[in-house]
Amino acid sequence: MMSQMLQAVSANLGAYPAISLILFFVVFVGMLAMVLRMKRTHIEHMGALPLDNAEQGDVTHG
């Protein structure tokens, strides 16, 4: 009985690997396109953000 249930479930799982691979590549290509379209000044500004608080004299409590 249990083996019949597992066979029925596994027969319907064939499309999931293909769907997940396609979804991964769509997200990966979308992120790559977004990064390549960014301006260099925006990237440098975002990279300097973690350092801005220390330069302004903010005290971090840890």
C-alpha atoms as a PDB file:
ATOM      1  CA  MET A   1       0.000   0.000   0.000  1.00  0.00           C
ATOM      2  CA  MET A   2       2.743   2.454   0.946  1.00  0.00           C
ATOM      3  CA  SER A   3       4.771   1.633  -2.151  1.00  0.00           C
ATOM      4  CA  GLN A   4       1.761   2.298  -4.376  1.00  0.00           C
ATOM      5  CA  MET A   5       1.290   5.696  -2.768  1.00  0.00           C
ATOM      6  CA  LEU A   6       4.982   6.556  -3.235  1.00  0.00           C
ATOM      7  CA  GLN A   7       4.875   5.497  -6.878  1.00  0.00           C
ATOM      8  CA  ALA A   8       1.812   7.675  -7.490  1.00  0.00           C
ATOM      9  CA  VAL A   9       3.490  10.671  -5.864  1.00  0.00           C
ATOM     10  CA  SER A  10       6.804  10.175  -7.634  1.00  0.00           C
ATOM     11  CA  ALA A  11       5.085   9.906 -11.022  1.00  0.00           C
ATOM     12  CA  ASN A  12       3.863  13.504 -10.645  1.00  0.00           C
ATOM     13  CA  LEU A  13       7.209  15.001  -9.613  1.00  0.00           C
ATOM     14  CA  GLY A  14       8.889  14.966 -13.018  1.00  0.00           C
ATOM     15  CA  ALA A  15       8.254  18.621 -13.850  1.00  0.00           C
ATOM     16  CA  TYR A  16       9.555  20.153 -10.613  1.00  0.00           C
ATOM     17  CA  PRO A  17      13.297  19.901 -11.392  1.00  0.00           C
ATOM     18  CA  ALA A  18      12.780  21.538 -14.790  1.00  0.00           C
ATOM     19  CA  ILE A  19      10.618  24.294 -13.321  1.00  0.00           C
ATOM     20  CA  SER A  20      13.112  25.032 -10.555  1.00  0.00           C
ATOM     21  CA  LEU A  21      16.017  25.147 -13.025  1.00  0.00           C
ATOM     22  CA  ILE A  22      14.143  27.549 -15.291  1.00  0.00           C
ATOM     23  CA  LEU A  23      13.181  29.720 -12.314  1.00  0.00           C
ATOM     24  CA  PHE A  24      16.793  29.790 -11.114  1.00  0.00           C
ATOM     25  CA  PHE A  25      18.094  30.909 -14.506  1.00  0.00           C
ATOM     26  CA  VAL A  26      15.374  33.555 -14.893  1.00  0.00           C
ATOM     27  CA  VAL A  27      16.255  35.065 -11.512  1.00  0.00           C
ATOM     28  CA  PHE A  28      19.997  34.777 -12.171  1.00  0.00           C
ATOM     29  CA  VAL A  29      19.790  36.451 -15.593  1.00  0.00           C
ATOM     30  CA  GLY A  30      17.469  39.147 -14.183  1.00  0.00           C
ATOM     31  CA  MET A  31      19.890  39.983 -11.381  1.00  0.00           C
ATOM     32  CA  LEU A  32      22.826  39.954 -13.772  1.00  0.00           C
ATOM     33  CA  ALA A  33      21.031  42.368 -16.097  1.00  0.00           C
ATOM     34  CA  MET A  34      20.170  44.641 -13.176  1.00  0.00           C
ATOM     35  CA  VAL A  35      23.771  44.727 -11.953  1.00  0.00           C
ATOM     36  CA  LEU A  36      25.172  45.361 -15.418  1.00  0.00           C
ATOM     37  CA  ARG A  37      22.772  48.277 -15.944  1.00  0.00           C
ATOM     38  CA  MET A  38      23.767  50.004 -12.678  1.00  0.00           C
ATOM     39  CA  LYS A  39      25.853  53.145 -12.944  1.00  0.00           C
ATOM     40  CA  ARG A  40      29.317  53.091 -11.431  1.00  0.00           C
ATOM     41  CA  THR A  41      28.503  56.098  -9.219  1.00  0.00           C
ATOM     42  CA  HIS A  42      25.514  54.280  -7.717  1.00  0.00           C
ATOM     43  CA  ILE A  43      27.629  51.207  -6.973  1.00  0.00           C
ATOM     44  CA  GLU A  44      30.327  53.335  -5.310  1.00  0.00           C
ATOM     45  CA  HIS A  45      27.694  55.189  -3.276  1.00  0.00           C
ATOM     46  CA  MET A  46      26.095  51.950  -2.076  1.00  0.00           C
ATOM     47  CA  GLY A  47      29.519  50.510  -1.266  1.00  0.00           C
ATOM     48  CA  ALA A  48      30.373  53.501   0.906  1.00  0.00           C
ATOM     49  CA  LEU A  49      27.123  53.418   2.903  1.00  0.00           C
ATOM     50  CA  PRO A  50      28.404  51.132   5.669  1.00  0.00           C
ATOM     51  CA  LEU A  51      31.254  53.584   6.227  1.00  0.00           C
ATOM     52  CA  ASP A  52      29.079  56.718   6.308  1.00  0.00           C
ATOM     53  CA  ASN A  53      27.876  56.212   9.905  1.00  0.00           C
ATOM     54  CA  ALA A  54      31.405  55.995  11.286  1.00  0.00           C
ATOM     55  CA  GLU A  55      32.397  59.192   9.498  1.00  0.00           C
ATOM     56  CA  GLN A  56      29.405  61.118  10.854  1.00  0.00           C
ATOM     57  CA  GLY A  57      30.367  60.337  14.449  1.00  0.00           C
ATOM     58  CA  ASP A  58      27.505  57.949  15.167  1.00  0.00           C
ATOM     59  CA  VAL A  59      28.231  55.639  18.032  1.00  0.00           C
ATOM     60  CA  THR A  60      27.274  52.041  17.556  1.00  0.00           C
ATOM     61  CA  HIS A  61      26.209  50.143  20.621  1.00  0.00           C
ATOM     62  CA  GLY A  62      27.297  46.550  20.555  1.00  0.00           C
END
